[in-house]
Each structure stands twice: as structure tokens, then as C-alpha cells.
Amino acid sequence: MTTPGPQGNKHRSWPYAVTAILVLALQQGWAPRDVATLAAVLMGLIALVRTAGDGGA
């Protein structure tokens, strides 16, 4: 078992960041369709980063 570093476990913080971004977009008056598009793009970016971070495995 690994011990998280001083900044905590970064791999588990992305759901909170995405949720915060989506909530802020809704609060700013974004249309639900635009928020759904934003969510899809963010999830795609996260998938790419995680894949690259795992060495493409």
C-alpha cells in the first residue's frame, strides 16, 4: 500500500473538480446541453491524461 504524498492522492480528486466545474457552469446560466457537452469533453480529457499517465497501458 502506498502512502499519499503531501498533496494527497491526485487520482481521486478529479471527480470533485469536474463536479465543481459543472455546477459552476450551471450556476452561470449555461444551457443543460452545453453543460453535458462540457462534461463529455472533460471526461475525454481525463481519460487521455490517465491513459498517458499509465504509460498507455
C-alpha atoms as a PDB file:
ATOM      1  CA  MET A   1       0.000   0.000   0.000  1.00  0.00           C
ATOM      2  CA  THR A   2       1.378   3.421  -0.934  1.00  0.00           C
ATOM      3  CA  THR A   3       1.242   6.478   1.247  1.00  0.00           C
ATOM      4  CA  PRO A   4      -0.097   9.616  -0.445  1.00  0.00           C
ATOM      5  CA  GLY A   5       2.350  12.492  -0.779  1.00  0.00           C
ATOM      6  CA  PRO A   6       1.940  15.930   0.753  1.00  0.00           C
ATOM      7  CA  GLN A   7      -0.618  16.888  -1.900  1.00  0.00           C
ATOM      8  CA  GLY A   8      -2.796  13.846  -1.252  1.00  0.00           C
ATOM      9  CA  ASN A   9      -3.995  11.306  -3.780  1.00  0.00           C
ATOM     10  CA  LYS A  10      -4.356  13.275  -7.020  1.00  0.00           C
ATOM     11  CA  HIS A  11      -6.025  10.429  -8.896  1.00  0.00           C
ATOM     12  CA  ARG A  12      -9.153  10.667  -6.766  1.00  0.00           C
ATOM     13  CA  SER A  13      -9.529  14.445  -6.808  1.00  0.00           C
ATOM     14  CA  TRP A  14     -10.675  14.727 -10.428  1.00  0.00           C
ATOM     15  CA  PRO A  15     -14.330  13.782  -9.769  1.00  0.00           C
ATOM     16  CA  TYR A  16     -14.624  16.688  -7.338  1.00  0.00           C
ATOM     17  CA  ALA A  17     -13.015  19.111  -9.774  1.00  0.00           C
ATOM     18  CA  VAL A  18     -15.293  18.040 -12.628  1.00  0.00           C
ATOM     19  CA  THR A  19     -18.361  18.283 -10.401  1.00  0.00           C
ATOM     20  CA  ALA A  20     -17.365  21.777  -9.273  1.00  0.00           C
ATOM     21  CA  ILE A  21     -16.806  22.932 -12.856  1.00  0.00           C
ATOM     22  CA  LEU A  22     -20.167  21.556 -13.994  1.00  0.00           C
ATOM     23  CA  VAL A  23     -22.029  23.111 -11.037  1.00  0.00           C
ATOM     24  CA  LEU A  24     -20.375  26.468 -11.717  1.00  0.00           C
ATOM     25  CA  ALA A  25     -21.348  26.267 -15.384  1.00  0.00           C
ATOM     26  CA  LEU A  26     -24.974  25.632 -14.404  1.00  0.00           C
ATOM     27  CA  GLN A  27     -24.894  28.500 -11.897  1.00  0.00           C
ATOM     28  CA  GLN A  28     -23.555  30.813 -14.588  1.00  0.00           C
ATOM     29  CA  GLY A  29     -26.606  30.080 -16.726  1.00  0.00           C
ATOM     30  CA  TRP A  30     -25.169  27.609 -19.207  1.00  0.00           C
ATOM     31  CA  ALA A  31     -27.753  25.592 -21.088  1.00  0.00           C
ATOM     32  CA  PRO A  32     -28.043  21.971 -19.928  1.00  0.00           C
ATOM     33  CA  ARG A  33     -26.983  20.772 -23.373  1.00  0.00           C
ATOM     34  CA  ASP A  34     -23.794  22.862 -23.168  1.00  0.00           C
ATOM     35  CA  VAL A  35     -23.043  21.516 -19.684  1.00  0.00           C
ATOM     36  CA  ALA A  36     -23.494  17.957 -20.972  1.00  0.00           C
ATOM     37  CA  THR A  37     -21.061  18.713 -23.806  1.00  0.00           C
ATOM     38  CA  LEU A  38     -18.594  20.182 -21.329  1.00  0.00           C
ATOM     39  CA  ALA A  39     -18.902  17.068 -19.156  1.00  0.00           C
ATOM     40  CA  ALA A  40     -18.196  14.804 -22.126  1.00  0.00           C
ATOM     41  CA  VAL A  41     -15.135  16.825 -23.116  1.00  0.00           C
ATOM     42  CA  LEU A  42     -13.786  16.842 -19.553  1.00  0.00           C
ATOM     43  CA  MET A  43     -14.262  13.090 -19.235  1.00  0.00           C
ATOM     44  CA  GLY A  44     -12.469  12.564 -22.547  1.00  0.00           C
ATOM     45  CA  LEU A  45      -9.550  14.699 -21.412  1.00  0.00           C
ATOM     46  CA  ILE A  46      -9.342  12.839 -18.111  1.00  0.00           C
ATOM     47  CA  ALA A  47      -9.315   9.525 -19.969  1.00  0.00           C
ATOM     48  CA  LEU A  48      -6.465  10.735 -22.196  1.00  0.00           C
ATOM     49  CA  VAL A  49      -4.423  12.008 -19.266  1.00  0.00           C
ATOM     50  CA  ARG A  50      -4.945   8.847 -17.250  1.00  0.00           C
ATOM     51  CA  THR A  51      -4.004   6.677 -20.232  1.00  0.00           C
ATOM     52  CA  ALA A  52      -0.881   8.721 -20.863  1.00  0.00           C
ATOM     53  CA  GLY A  53      -0.023   8.599 -17.150  1.00  0.00           C
ATOM     54  CA  ASP A  54      -0.283   4.809 -17.141  1.00  0.00           C
ATOM     55  CA  GLY A  55       2.196   4.544 -19.978  1.00  0.00           C
ATOM     56  CA  GLY A  56      -0.576   3.856 -22.477  1.00  0.00           C
ATOM     57  CA  ALA A  57      -1.449   0.549 -20.845  1.00  0.00           C
END
